[in-house]
C-alpha cells in the first residue's frame, strides 16, 4: 500500500513572523527572539514568566508556533498537537522534551525545553568534509540509537532522521528533535486520535530525499528499518565526512548501481555493520536500531590500541621508577 504524499509549498524566509517579538503568549511566555524557521513552524526562545516569579534557575523555554499558509493550517495544527501528545508520553534523555501543547486565540504552539548547542548539520558543515572525532562520533551514534530505540519501543517511527534533526548540546548530550510527522507502527495500540490525524501525515509528510530509504521515497508504510537506513546514512557521514552515495538518493543509487565504499580508517568489523544497515532493500537491512547502534558502537581492537597509544608515548617520569636500596632484592612479579 502506497501513501499519497503532498508537498508544503516553498515559503520565502523573509515572510512575516507569526508572533512579533515581545509578545506575551497566554500571558505567560514572553517572546524574546527567533531560534529557527521551517516549512510548518517557527521556533522562538521565550521567557516563562511563571518561572521568573518562582525564581527558578532557568527561565528560558522554546516555543514552537504553527506558521503555514491558510490552506495547510488545519493539517499543520493537527500535526503539532499530535507531536505534543506523543512527546509528552515519550520522556527520554536523547529526545527533546515537550512540556505542554496549547493554544492562545489563533496561535497553536508547543512549550519545549530550550536546547543550547548546534544541530549535527551545523557541526558537519563546520567540519568541512572531515569526519567527527572518534569519541564524538560514537557519542552521536549511541545517543541517536538510544533515542530512536525508545521511540520504536513506543511504536513510533521518526521518519525524517537527518543531521538537521539531531542536536548536540553544549554539554555534549545528543537529542532527537522534530517528531512532527512521526508515524505509528503496527505494534502501536489502537488510538482514535491517530486515525483522526493519519491522513494529515499522508498529506504533509516531507521526507529529506538524501536520507530517506527507498521505501519511504516510494511512499510505502513506515517501518523501523526506514529509520535504520536514515540513521546509517548519518553514521556514514560522521565517520567519513561524506554521504555514502555522494549526496544522491536511495532511488538514484539503486538506478545507477551505486554502492557505498568503506570509509578510510573505519575498522572492518564496523564496516560490515554499517554496510548492512545501508542496504537499499528493507529485507537486507539490520532489523532494529538497537541492534545497529550497539554493534556499530562496540569497541574494536583499533579502539583498544588507540587508547593505549598515548600512554605508550608518555615520557617515563623518574617518580615512576623504583630503585631497590643497597642489598635489597628487586620485587618479584606476581603470577597474575
C-alpha atoms as a PDB file:
ATOM      1  CA  UNK A   1       0.000   0.000   0.000  1.00  0.00           C
ATOM      2  CA  UNK A   2       1.374   3.404  -1.008  1.00  0.00           C
ATOM      3  CA  UNK A   3       0.679   6.667   0.707  1.00  0.00           C
ATOM      4  CA  UNK A   4      -0.292   9.781  -1.173  1.00  0.00           C
ATOM      5  CA  UNK A   5       2.269  12.420  -0.410  1.00  0.00           C
ATOM      6  CA  UNK A   6       1.828  16.169  -0.690  1.00  0.00           C
ATOM      7  CA  UNK A   7       4.405  18.923  -0.575  1.00  0.00           C
ATOM      8  CA  UNK A   8       4.359  22.013   1.552  1.00  0.00           C
ATOM      9  CA  UNK A   9       4.812  24.958  -0.838  1.00  0.00           C
ATOM     10  CA  UNK A  10       8.085  26.840  -0.657  1.00  0.00           C
ATOM     11  CA  UNK A  11       7.881  29.840   1.676  1.00  0.00           C
ATOM     12  CA  UNK A  12      10.353  32.717   1.478  1.00  0.00           C
ATOM     13  CA  UNK A  13      12.458  33.127   4.605  1.00  0.00           C
ATOM     14  CA  UNK A  14      11.560  36.833   4.873  1.00  0.00           C
ATOM     15  CA  UNK A  15       7.856  36.135   5.497  1.00  0.00           C
ATOM     16  CA  UNK A  16       6.276  37.900   8.454  1.00  0.00           C
ATOM     17  CA  UNK A  17       6.691  36.302  11.865  1.00  0.00           C
ATOM     18  CA  UNK A  18       3.567  34.565  13.206  1.00  0.00           C
ATOM     19  CA  UNK A  19       4.200  36.197  16.601  1.00  0.00           C
ATOM     20  CA  UNK A  20       6.018  39.560  16.911  1.00  0.00           C
ATOM     21  CA  UNK A  21       8.981  39.707  19.285  1.00  0.00           C
ATOM     22  CA  UNK A  22       7.991  40.936  22.729  1.00  0.00           C
ATOM     23  CA  UNK A  23       4.543  39.319  22.599  1.00  0.00           C
ATOM     24  CA  UNK A  24       3.286  37.550  25.730  1.00  0.00           C
ATOM     25  CA  UNK A  25       1.652  34.265  24.749  1.00  0.00           C
ATOM     26  CA  UNK A  26      -1.015  33.104  27.206  1.00  0.00           C
ATOM     27  CA  UNK A  27       0.173  35.944  29.427  1.00  0.00           C
ATOM     28  CA  UNK A  28       2.999  33.629  30.473  1.00  0.00           C
ATOM     29  CA  UNK A  29       5.591  33.208  27.712  1.00  0.00           C
ATOM     30  CA  UNK A  30       7.369  36.373  26.559  1.00  0.00           C
ATOM     31  CA  UNK A  31       8.828  36.007  23.046  1.00  0.00           C
ATOM     32  CA  UNK A  32      12.494  37.069  23.000  1.00  0.00           C
ATOM     33  CA  UNK A  33      13.944  36.013  19.649  1.00  0.00           C
ATOM     34  CA  UNK A  34      13.721  33.529  16.765  1.00  0.00           C
ATOM     35  CA  UNK A  35      15.669  30.277  17.002  1.00  0.00           C
ATOM     36  CA  UNK A  36      14.711  28.856  13.626  1.00  0.00           C
ATOM     37  CA  UNK A  37      12.043  28.639  10.931  1.00  0.00           C
ATOM     38  CA  UNK A  38      10.818  25.640   8.954  1.00  0.00           C
ATOM     39  CA  UNK A  39       8.153  24.819   6.411  1.00  0.00           C
ATOM     40  CA  UNK A  40       5.396  24.494   9.006  1.00  0.00           C
ATOM     41  CA  UNK A  41       6.554  26.329  12.123  1.00  0.00           C
ATOM     42  CA  UNK A  42       8.692  28.991  13.746  1.00  0.00           C
ATOM     43  CA  UNK A  43      10.608  28.228  16.940  1.00  0.00           C
ATOM     44  CA  UNK A  44      11.189  31.052  19.398  1.00  0.00           C
ATOM     45  CA  UNK A  45      13.209  31.500  22.546  1.00  0.00           C
ATOM     46  CA  UNK A  46      10.841  32.729  25.233  1.00  0.00           C
ATOM     47  CA  UNK A  47      10.912  33.503  28.946  1.00  0.00           C
ATOM     48  CA  UNK A  48       8.495  31.664  31.206  1.00  0.00           C
ATOM     49  CA  UNK A  49       7.207  34.424  33.483  1.00  0.00           C
ATOM     50  CA  UNK A  50       5.828  31.889  35.965  1.00  0.00           C
ATOM     51  CA  UNK A  51       9.349  30.517  36.417  1.00  0.00           C
ATOM     52  CA  UNK A  52      10.658  34.063  36.775  1.00  0.00           C
ATOM     53  CA  UNK A  53       8.221  34.737  39.623  1.00  0.00           C
ATOM     54  CA  UNK A  54       9.192  31.416  41.201  1.00  0.00           C
ATOM     55  CA  UNK A  55      12.871  32.455  40.968  1.00  0.00           C
ATOM     56  CA  UNK A  56      13.702  29.310  39.005  1.00  0.00           C
ATOM     57  CA  UNK A  57      17.310  28.853  37.931  1.00  0.00           C
ATOM     58  CA  UNK A  58      16.446  28.545  34.220  1.00  0.00           C
ATOM     59  CA  UNK A  59      13.524  30.590  32.901  1.00  0.00           C
ATOM     60  CA  UNK A  60      14.110  30.128  29.154  1.00  0.00           C
ATOM     61  CA  UNK A  61      11.981  27.751  27.074  1.00  0.00           C
ATOM     62  CA  UNK A  62      11.404  27.114  23.361  1.00  0.00           C
ATOM     63  CA  UNK A  63       8.026  27.853  21.797  1.00  0.00           C
ATOM     64  CA  UNK A  64       7.175  26.073  18.536  1.00  0.00           C
ATOM     65  CA  UNK A  65       4.396  28.005  16.762  1.00  0.00           C
ATOM     66  CA  UNK A  66       2.438  26.949  13.657  1.00  0.00           C
ATOM     67  CA  UNK A  67       3.391  29.100  10.664  1.00  0.00           C
ATOM     68  CA  UNK A  68       1.843  27.930   7.369  1.00  0.00           C
ATOM     69  CA  UNK A  69      -0.463  29.181   4.631  1.00  0.00           C
ATOM     70  CA  UNK A  70      -4.170  29.083   5.426  1.00  0.00           C
ATOM     71  CA  UNK A  71      -4.812  26.157   3.068  1.00  0.00           C
ATOM     72  CA  UNK A  72      -2.431  23.938   5.064  1.00  0.00           C
ATOM     73  CA  UNK A  73      -3.160  25.373   8.503  1.00  0.00           C
ATOM     74  CA  UNK A  74      -5.756  22.821   9.763  1.00  0.00           C
ATOM     75  CA  UNK A  75      -3.437  19.939   8.869  1.00  0.00           C
ATOM     76  CA  UNK A  76      -0.417  21.613  10.452  1.00  0.00           C
ATOM     77  CA  UNK A  77      -2.333  22.366  13.664  1.00  0.00           C
ATOM     78  CA  UNK A  78      -3.430  18.735  13.932  1.00  0.00           C
ATOM     79  CA  UNK A  79       0.160  17.554  13.423  1.00  0.00           C
ATOM     80  CA  UNK A  80       1.547  19.981  16.001  1.00  0.00           C
ATOM     81  CA  UNK A  81      -0.788  18.822  18.769  1.00  0.00           C
ATOM     82  CA  UNK A  82      -0.242  15.210  17.705  1.00  0.00           C
ATOM     83  CA  UNK A  83       3.516  15.727  18.121  1.00  0.00           C
ATOM     84  CA  UNK A  84       2.867  17.262  21.527  1.00  0.00           C
ATOM     85  CA  UNK A  85       0.767  14.304  22.701  1.00  0.00           C
ATOM     86  CA  UNK A  86       3.369  11.821  21.577  1.00  0.00           C
ATOM     87  CA  UNK A  87       6.361  13.547  23.110  1.00  0.00           C
ATOM     88  CA  UNK A  88       4.548  14.129  26.383  1.00  0.00           C
ATOM     89  CA  UNK A  89       4.267  10.322  26.536  1.00  0.00           C
ATOM     90  CA  UNK A  90       7.857   9.795  25.437  1.00  0.00           C
ATOM     91  CA  UNK A  91      10.303  11.123  28.030  1.00  0.00           C
ATOM     92  CA  UNK A  92      13.880  10.157  27.197  1.00  0.00           C
ATOM     93  CA  UNK A  93      17.271  11.883  27.703  1.00  0.00           C
ATOM     94  CA  UNK A  94      18.021  11.652  23.962  1.00  0.00           C
ATOM     95  CA  UNK A  95      14.702  13.133  22.804  1.00  0.00           C
ATOM     96  CA  UNK A  96      13.804  16.813  23.096  1.00  0.00           C
ATOM     97  CA  UNK A  97      11.382  17.293  25.961  1.00  0.00           C
ATOM     98  CA  UNK A  98       7.892  18.750  25.441  1.00  0.00           C
ATOM     99  CA  UNK A  99       6.225  20.338  28.477  1.00  0.00           C
ATOM    100  CA  UNK A 100       2.841  21.264  27.009  1.00  0.00           C
ATOM    101  CA  UNK A 101       0.684  21.627  23.899  1.00  0.00           C
ATOM    102  CA  UNK A 102      -1.621  24.657  23.945  1.00  0.00           C
ATOM    103  CA  UNK A 103      -3.308  27.480  22.033  1.00  0.00           C
ATOM    104  CA  UNK A 104      -3.904  31.183  22.526  1.00  0.00           C
ATOM    105  CA  UNK A 105      -6.574  32.506  20.196  1.00  0.00           C
ATOM    106  CA  UNK A 106      -5.389  31.650  16.688  1.00  0.00           C
ATOM    107  CA  UNK A 107      -1.902  30.665  17.907  1.00  0.00           C
ATOM    108  CA  UNK A 108      -1.154  26.961  18.333  1.00  0.00           C
ATOM    109  CA  UNK A 109       2.127  26.054  19.984  1.00  0.00           C
ATOM    110  CA  UNK A 110       4.289  23.570  21.873  1.00  0.00           C
ATOM    111  CA  UNK A 111       6.230  24.501  25.002  1.00  0.00           C
ATOM    112  CA  UNK A 112       9.589  22.709  24.845  1.00  0.00           C
ATOM    113  CA  UNK A 113      12.953  22.585  26.556  1.00  0.00           C
ATOM    114  CA  UNK A 114      15.375  25.121  25.140  1.00  0.00           C
ATOM    115  CA  UNK A 115      18.388  23.374  23.629  1.00  0.00           C
ATOM    116  CA  UNK A 116      21.689  25.238  23.567  1.00  0.00           C
ATOM    117  CA  UNK A 117      24.252  23.980  21.110  1.00  0.00           C
ATOM    118  CA  UNK A 118      24.202  23.043  17.420  1.00  0.00           C
ATOM    119  CA  UNK A 119      22.435  20.691  15.083  1.00  0.00           C
ATOM    120  CA  UNK A 120      24.572  17.899  13.681  1.00  0.00           C
ATOM    121  CA  UNK A 121      24.070  19.527  10.263  1.00  0.00           C
ATOM    122  CA  UNK A 122      25.825  22.655  11.523  1.00  0.00           C
ATOM    123  CA  UNK A 123      28.568  20.631  13.195  1.00  0.00           C
ATOM    124  CA  UNK A 124      29.284  18.755   9.948  1.00  0.00           C
ATOM    125  CA  UNK A 125      29.175  21.967   7.930  1.00  0.00           C
ATOM    126  CA  UNK A 126      31.912  23.342  10.180  1.00  0.00           C
ATOM    127  CA  UNK A 127      33.922  20.122   9.750  1.00  0.00           C
ATOM    128  CA  UNK A 128      34.035  20.913   6.007  1.00  0.00           C
ATOM    129  CA  UNK A 129      34.202  17.335   4.722  1.00  0.00           C
ATOM    130  CA  UNK A 130      36.155  15.915   7.650  1.00  0.00           C
ATOM    131  CA  UNK A 131      34.728  13.151   9.873  1.00  0.00           C
ATOM    132  CA  UNK A 132      33.920  13.743  13.509  1.00  0.00           C
ATOM    133  CA  UNK A 133      36.474  12.837  16.143  1.00  0.00           C
ATOM    134  CA  UNK A 134      36.000   9.183  17.077  1.00  0.00           C
ATOM    135  CA  UNK A 135      34.751   9.870  20.617  1.00  0.00           C
ATOM    136  CA  UNK A 136      32.114  12.387  19.472  1.00  0.00           C
ATOM    137  CA  UNK A 137      31.055  10.144  16.582  1.00  0.00           C
ATOM    138  CA  UNK A 138      30.423   7.242  18.960  1.00  0.00           C
ATOM    139  CA  UNK A 139      28.547   9.547  21.347  1.00  0.00           C
ATOM    140  CA  UNK A 140      26.269  10.658  18.498  1.00  0.00           C
ATOM    141  CA  UNK A 141      25.716   7.060  17.389  1.00  0.00           C
ATOM    142  CA  UNK A 142      24.823   5.932  20.910  1.00  0.00           C
ATOM    143  CA  UNK A 143      22.587   8.963  21.528  1.00  0.00           C
ATOM    144  CA  UNK A 144      20.645   8.710  18.278  1.00  0.00           C
ATOM    145  CA  UNK A 145      20.403   4.944  18.719  1.00  0.00           C
ATOM    146  CA  UNK A 146      19.042   5.199  22.259  1.00  0.00           C
ATOM    147  CA  UNK A 147      16.548   7.926  21.329  1.00  0.00           C
ATOM    148  CA  UNK A 148      15.217   6.101  18.273  1.00  0.00           C
ATOM    149  CA  UNK A 149      15.061   2.804  20.169  1.00  0.00           C
ATOM    150  CA  UNK A 150      12.928   4.462  22.856  1.00  0.00           C
ATOM    151  CA  UNK A 151      10.582   5.839  20.197  1.00  0.00           C
ATOM    152  CA  UNK A 152      10.353   2.466  18.459  1.00  0.00           C
ATOM    153  CA  UNK A 153       9.581   0.772  21.772  1.00  0.00           C
ATOM    154  CA  UNK A 154       6.533   3.075  21.964  1.00  0.00           C
ATOM    155  CA  UNK A 155       5.542   2.154  18.403  1.00  0.00           C
ATOM    156  CA  UNK A 156       6.767   5.403  16.826  1.00  0.00           C
ATOM    157  CA  UNK A 157       8.773   5.759  13.607  1.00  0.00           C
ATOM    158  CA  UNK A 158      10.536   9.121  13.304  1.00  0.00           C
ATOM    159  CA  UNK A 159      10.518   9.046   9.506  1.00  0.00           C
ATOM    160  CA  UNK A 160      12.835  12.015   8.923  1.00  0.00           C
ATOM    161  CA  UNK A 161      16.114  11.202  10.658  1.00  0.00           C
ATOM    162  CA  UNK A 162      18.724  13.599   9.284  1.00  0.00           C
ATOM    163  CA  UNK A 163      21.577  15.785  10.605  1.00  0.00           C
ATOM    164  CA  UNK A 164      19.209  18.749  10.954  1.00  0.00           C
ATOM    165  CA  UNK A 165      17.035  16.726  13.339  1.00  0.00           C
ATOM    166  CA  UNK A 166      19.923  15.665  15.592  1.00  0.00           C
ATOM    167  CA  UNK A 167      21.031  18.225  18.171  1.00  0.00           C
ATOM    168  CA  UNK A 168      24.304  18.264  20.124  1.00  0.00           C
ATOM    169  CA  UNK A 169      24.059  20.402  23.261  1.00  0.00           C
ATOM    170  CA  UNK A 170      26.881  22.419  24.779  1.00  0.00           C
ATOM    171  CA  UNK A 171      27.147  19.756  27.471  1.00  0.00           C
ATOM    172  CA  UNK A 172      27.635  17.056  24.813  1.00  0.00           C
ATOM    173  CA  UNK A 173      24.158  15.499  25.057  1.00  0.00           C
ATOM    174  CA  UNK A 174      22.651  14.202  21.816  1.00  0.00           C
ATOM    175  CA  UNK A 175      18.939  14.910  21.270  1.00  0.00           C
ATOM    176  CA  UNK A 176      16.498  13.897  18.545  1.00  0.00           C
ATOM    177  CA  UNK A 177      14.163  16.704  17.523  1.00  0.00           C
ATOM    178  CA  UNK A 178      11.155  17.240  15.242  1.00  0.00           C
ATOM    179  CA  UNK A 179       8.759  14.328  15.609  1.00  0.00           C
ATOM    180  CA  UNK A 180       6.091  16.337  13.776  1.00  0.00           C
ATOM    181  CA  UNK A 181       5.427  13.719  11.112  1.00  0.00           C
ATOM    182  CA  UNK A 182       6.419  10.605  13.073  1.00  0.00           C
ATOM    183  CA  UNK A 183       4.121   7.666  12.389  1.00  0.00           C
ATOM    184  CA  UNK A 184       2.957   4.646  14.342  1.00  0.00           C
ATOM    185  CA  UNK A 185       3.898   1.047  13.659  1.00  0.00           C
ATOM    186  CA  UNK A 186       1.553  -1.905  13.505  1.00  0.00           C
ATOM    187  CA  UNK A 187       2.604  -2.730  17.106  1.00  0.00           C
ATOM    188  CA  UNK A 188       1.205   0.541  18.460  1.00  0.00           C
ATOM    189  CA  UNK A 189      -2.082   0.199  20.326  1.00  0.00           C
ATOM    190  CA  UNK A 190      -5.135   1.492  18.507  1.00  0.00           C
ATOM    191  CA  UNK A 191      -5.625   5.198  19.141  1.00  0.00           C
ATOM    192  CA  UNK A 192      -8.651   7.047  17.719  1.00  0.00           C
ATOM    193  CA  UNK A 193      -6.619  10.260  17.620  1.00  0.00           C
ATOM    194  CA  UNK A 194      -4.112   8.515  15.361  1.00  0.00           C
ATOM    195  CA  UNK A 195      -6.903   7.655  12.913  1.00  0.00           C
ATOM    196  CA  UNK A 196      -8.095  11.253  13.009  1.00  0.00           C
ATOM    197  CA  UNK A 197      -4.690  12.667  12.044  1.00  0.00           C
ATOM    198  CA  UNK A 198      -3.169   9.921   9.891  1.00  0.00           C
ATOM    199  CA  UNK A 199      -4.415  11.490   6.667  1.00  0.00           C
ATOM    200  CA  UNK A 200      -2.730  14.756   7.650  1.00  0.00           C
ATOM    201  CA  UNK A 201       0.567  12.909   7.850  1.00  0.00           C
ATOM    202  CA  UNK A 202      -0.087  11.491   4.385  1.00  0.00           C
ATOM    203  CA  UNK A 203      -0.675  14.979   3.014  1.00  0.00           C
ATOM    204  CA  UNK A 204       2.017  16.868   4.886  1.00  0.00           C
ATOM    205  CA  UNK A 205       4.803  14.312   5.212  1.00  0.00           C
ATOM    206  CA  UNK A 206       8.017  15.743   3.797  1.00  0.00           C
ATOM    207  CA  UNK A 207      10.981  13.363   3.922  1.00  0.00           C
ATOM    208  CA  UNK A 208      14.508  14.537   3.207  1.00  0.00           C
ATOM    209  CA  UNK A 209      15.404  12.648  -0.006  1.00  0.00           C
ATOM    210  CA  UNK A 210      19.156  12.270   0.610  1.00  0.00           C
ATOM    211  CA  UNK A 211      18.474  10.494   3.941  1.00  0.00           C
ATOM    212  CA  UNK A 212      15.254   8.634   3.147  1.00  0.00           C
ATOM    213  CA  UNK A 213      15.051   4.911   2.450  1.00  0.00           C
ATOM    214  CA  UNK A 214      13.930   3.568  -0.905  1.00  0.00           C
ATOM    215  CA  UNK A 215      10.622   2.560   0.667  1.00  0.00           C
ATOM    216  CA  UNK A 216       9.945   5.989   2.189  1.00  0.00           C
ATOM    217  CA  UNK A 217      10.667   7.637  -1.152  1.00  0.00           C
ATOM    218  CA  UNK A 218       8.175   5.245  -2.749  1.00  0.00           C
ATOM    219  CA  UNK A 219       5.522   6.243  -0.205  1.00  0.00           C
ATOM    220  CA  UNK A 220       5.242   2.857   1.487  1.00  0.00           C
ATOM    221  CA  UNK A 221       4.019   2.372   5.050  1.00  0.00           C
ATOM    222  CA  UNK A 222       6.817   3.223   7.516  1.00  0.00           C
ATOM    223  CA  UNK A 223       8.916   0.552   9.151  1.00  0.00           C
ATOM    224  CA  UNK A 224      11.628   0.633  11.837  1.00  0.00           C
ATOM    225  CA  UNK A 225      14.121  -0.307   9.135  1.00  0.00           C
ATOM    226  CA  UNK A 226      13.464   3.020   7.405  1.00  0.00           C
ATOM    227  CA  UNK A 227      14.859   4.804  10.469  1.00  0.00           C
ATOM    228  CA  UNK A 228      17.742   2.301  10.443  1.00  0.00           C
ATOM    229  CA  UNK A 229      18.637   3.344   6.888  1.00  0.00           C
ATOM    230  CA  UNK A 230      18.464   7.091   7.602  1.00  0.00           C
ATOM    231  CA  UNK A 231      20.494   6.598  10.791  1.00  0.00           C
ATOM    232  CA  UNK A 232      23.082   4.604   8.824  1.00  0.00           C
ATOM    233  CA  UNK A 233      23.461   7.455   6.310  1.00  0.00           C
ATOM    234  CA  UNK A 234      24.141   9.811   9.234  1.00  0.00           C
ATOM    235  CA  UNK A 235      26.610   7.337  10.761  1.00  0.00           C
ATOM    236  CA  UNK A 236      28.472   7.075   7.443  1.00  0.00           C
ATOM    237  CA  UNK A 237      28.557  10.873   7.182  1.00  0.00           C
ATOM    238  CA  UNK A 238      30.058  11.446  10.632  1.00  0.00           C
ATOM    239  CA  UNK A 239      32.543   8.567  10.290  1.00  0.00           C
ATOM    240  CA  UNK A 240      33.759   9.555   6.817  1.00  0.00           C
ATOM    241  CA  UNK A 241      32.804  13.193   6.292  1.00  0.00           C
ATOM    242  CA  UNK A 242      30.821  12.315   3.171  1.00  0.00           C
ATOM    243  CA  UNK A 243      27.415  10.992   2.113  1.00  0.00           C
ATOM    244  CA  UNK A 244      27.520   7.243   1.266  1.00  0.00           C
ATOM    245  CA  UNK A 245      26.063   7.811  -2.215  1.00  0.00           C
ATOM    246  CA  UNK A 246      27.633  11.171  -2.982  1.00  0.00           C
ATOM    247  CA  UNK A 247      24.502  13.033  -1.918  1.00  0.00           C
ATOM    248  CA  UNK A 248      22.261  11.033  -4.239  1.00  0.00           C
ATOM    249  CA  UNK A 249      19.001   9.459  -3.095  1.00  0.00           C
ATOM    250  CA  UNK A 250      18.492   5.758  -2.455  1.00  0.00           C
ATOM    251  CA  UNK A 251      16.410   5.611  -5.648  1.00  0.00           C
ATOM    252  CA  UNK A 252      19.225   7.143  -7.697  1.00  0.00           C
ATOM    253  CA  UNK A 253      21.722   4.782  -6.057  1.00  0.00           C
ATOM    254  CA  UNK A 254      19.560   1.789  -6.996  1.00  0.00           C
ATOM    255  CA  UNK A 255      19.040   3.009 -10.548  1.00  0.00           C
ATOM    256  CA  UNK A 256      22.732   3.795 -11.104  1.00  0.00           C
ATOM    257  CA  UNK A 257      24.043   0.721  -9.282  1.00  0.00           C
ATOM    258  CA  UNK A 258      25.902   2.789  -6.686  1.00  0.00           C
ATOM    259  CA  UNK A 259      27.334   1.175  -3.560  1.00  0.00           C
ATOM    260  CA  UNK A 260      28.890   2.806  -0.517  1.00  0.00           C
ATOM    261  CA  UNK A 261      32.621   2.259  -0.114  1.00  0.00           C
ATOM    262  CA  UNK A 262      34.429   1.611   3.146  1.00  0.00           C
ATOM    263  CA  UNK A 263      35.491   4.896   4.789  1.00  0.00           C
ATOM    264  CA  UNK A 264      39.237   5.240   5.371  1.00  0.00           C
ATOM    265  CA  UNK A 265      40.354   4.168   8.857  1.00  0.00           C
ATOM    266  CA  UNK A 266      36.988   2.550   9.660  1.00  0.00           C
ATOM    267  CA  UNK A 267      37.523  -0.832  11.342  1.00  0.00           C
ATOM    268  CA  UNK A 268      36.463  -3.817   9.268  1.00  0.00           C
ATOM    269  CA  UNK A 269      34.007  -5.004  11.913  1.00  0.00           C
ATOM    270  CA  UNK A 270      32.260  -1.622  11.902  1.00  0.00           C
ATOM    271  CA  UNK A 271      32.141  -1.517   8.117  1.00  0.00           C
ATOM    272  CA  UNK A 272      30.334  -4.866   7.995  1.00  0.00           C
ATOM    273  CA  UNK A 273      27.641  -3.462  10.314  1.00  0.00           C
ATOM    274  CA  UNK A 274      27.351  -0.121   8.531  1.00  0.00           C
ATOM    275  CA  UNK A 275      27.155  -1.702   5.081  1.00  0.00           C
ATOM    276  CA  UNK A 276      24.307  -3.970   6.202  1.00  0.00           C
ATOM    277  CA  UNK A 277      22.343  -1.028   7.622  1.00  0.00           C
ATOM    278  CA  UNK A 278      22.804   0.853   4.329  1.00  0.00           C
ATOM    279  CA  UNK A 279      21.204  -1.940   2.287  1.00  0.00           C
ATOM    280  CA  UNK A 280      18.778  -0.440  -0.218  1.00  0.00           C
ATOM    281  CA  UNK A 281      16.208  -3.201   0.294  1.00  0.00           C
ATOM    282  CA  UNK A 282      14.469  -3.449   3.668  1.00  0.00           C
ATOM    283  CA  UNK A 283      14.765  -7.225   3.743  1.00  0.00           C
ATOM    284  CA  UNK A 284      18.578  -6.955   3.605  1.00  0.00           C
ATOM    285  CA  UNK A 285      18.841  -4.286   6.320  1.00  0.00           C
ATOM    286  CA  UNK A 286      19.578  -4.722  10.033  1.00  0.00           C
ATOM    287  CA  UNK A 287      16.141  -5.128  11.597  1.00  0.00           C
ATOM    288  CA  UNK A 288      16.349  -2.737  14.552  1.00  0.00           C
ATOM    289  CA  UNK A 289      18.059   0.496  15.513  1.00  0.00           C
ATOM    290  CA  UNK A 290      19.113  -1.048  18.838  1.00  0.00           C
ATOM    291  CA  UNK A 291      20.990  -3.845  17.072  1.00  0.00           C
ATOM    292  CA  UNK A 292      22.603  -1.432  14.622  1.00  0.00           C
ATOM    293  CA  UNK A 293      23.802   1.143  17.164  1.00  0.00           C
ATOM    294  CA  UNK A 294      25.046  -1.398  19.711  1.00  0.00           C
ATOM    295  CA  UNK A 295      27.017  -3.322  17.082  1.00  0.00           C
ATOM    296  CA  UNK A 296      28.421  -0.169  15.483  1.00  0.00           C
ATOM    297  CA  UNK A 297      29.481   1.378  18.811  1.00  0.00           C
ATOM    298  CA  UNK A 298      31.018  -1.861  20.117  1.00  0.00           C
ATOM    299  CA  UNK A 299      34.744  -1.298  20.850  1.00  0.00           C
ATOM    300  CA  UNK A 300      37.138  -2.778  18.310  1.00  0.00           C
ATOM    301  CA  UNK A 301      40.812  -3.748  18.509  1.00  0.00           C
ATOM    302  CA  UNK A 302      41.622  -0.443  16.809  1.00  0.00           C
ATOM    303  CA  UNK A 303      39.913   1.401  19.665  1.00  0.00           C
ATOM    304  CA  UNK A 304      41.915  -0.631  22.173  1.00  0.00           C
ATOM    305  CA  UNK A 305      45.268   0.161  20.569  1.00  0.00           C
ATOM    306  CA  UNK A 306      44.304   3.813  20.070  1.00  0.00           C
ATOM    307  CA  UNK A 307      43.547   4.084  23.782  1.00  0.00           C
ATOM    308  CA  UNK A 308      46.953   2.606  24.649  1.00  0.00           C
ATOM    309  CA  UNK A 309      48.932   4.706  22.189  1.00  0.00           C
ATOM    310  CA  UNK A 310      49.079   7.974  24.196  1.00  0.00           C
ATOM    311  CA  UNK A 311      50.301   6.039  27.240  1.00  0.00           C
ATOM    312  CA  UNK A 312      52.999   4.376  25.164  1.00  0.00           C
ATOM    313  CA  UNK A 313      54.261   7.810  24.032  1.00  0.00           C
ATOM    314  CA  UNK A 314      54.194   9.329  27.547  1.00  0.00           C
ATOM    315  CA  UNK A 315      57.712  10.068  28.860  1.00  0.00           C
ATOM    316  CA  UNK A 316      58.658   7.972  31.846  1.00  0.00           C
ATOM    317  CA  UNK A 317      58.939  10.142  34.943  1.00  0.00           C
ATOM    318  CA  UNK A 318      61.653   9.412  37.477  1.00  0.00           C
ATOM    319  CA  UNK A 319      58.932   9.054  40.103  1.00  0.00           C
ATOM    320  CA  UNK A 320      57.650   6.035  38.158  1.00  0.00           C
ATOM    321  CA  UNK A 321      60.944   4.180  38.716  1.00  0.00           C
ATOM    322  CA  UNK A 322      61.581   2.355  41.969  1.00  0.00           C
ATOM    323  CA  UNK A 323      65.257   1.641  42.629  1.00  0.00           C
ATOM    324  CA  UNK A 324      65.935  -1.041  45.271  1.00  0.00           C
ATOM    325  CA  UNK A 325      68.085   0.053  48.188  1.00  0.00           C
ATOM    326  CA  UNK A 326      71.593  -1.321  48.527  1.00  0.00           C
ATOM    327  CA  UNK A 327      71.480  -5.026  49.307  1.00  0.00           C
ATOM    328  CA  UNK A 328      67.704  -5.159  48.705  1.00  0.00           C
ATOM    329  CA  UNK A 329      66.364  -7.642  46.168  1.00  0.00           C
ATOM    330  CA  UNK A 330      64.080  -6.336  43.446  1.00  0.00           C
ATOM    331  CA  UNK A 331      60.386  -7.233  43.929  1.00  0.00           C
ATOM    332  CA  UNK A 332      59.260 -10.468  42.307  1.00  0.00           C
ATOM    333  CA  UNK A 333      56.445 -10.013  39.759  1.00  0.00           C
ATOM    334  CA  UNK A 334      53.154 -11.624  40.795  1.00  0.00           C
ATOM    335  CA  UNK A 335      51.831 -14.633  38.931  1.00  0.00           C
ATOM    336  CA  UNK A 336      48.768 -12.614  37.847  1.00  0.00           C
END
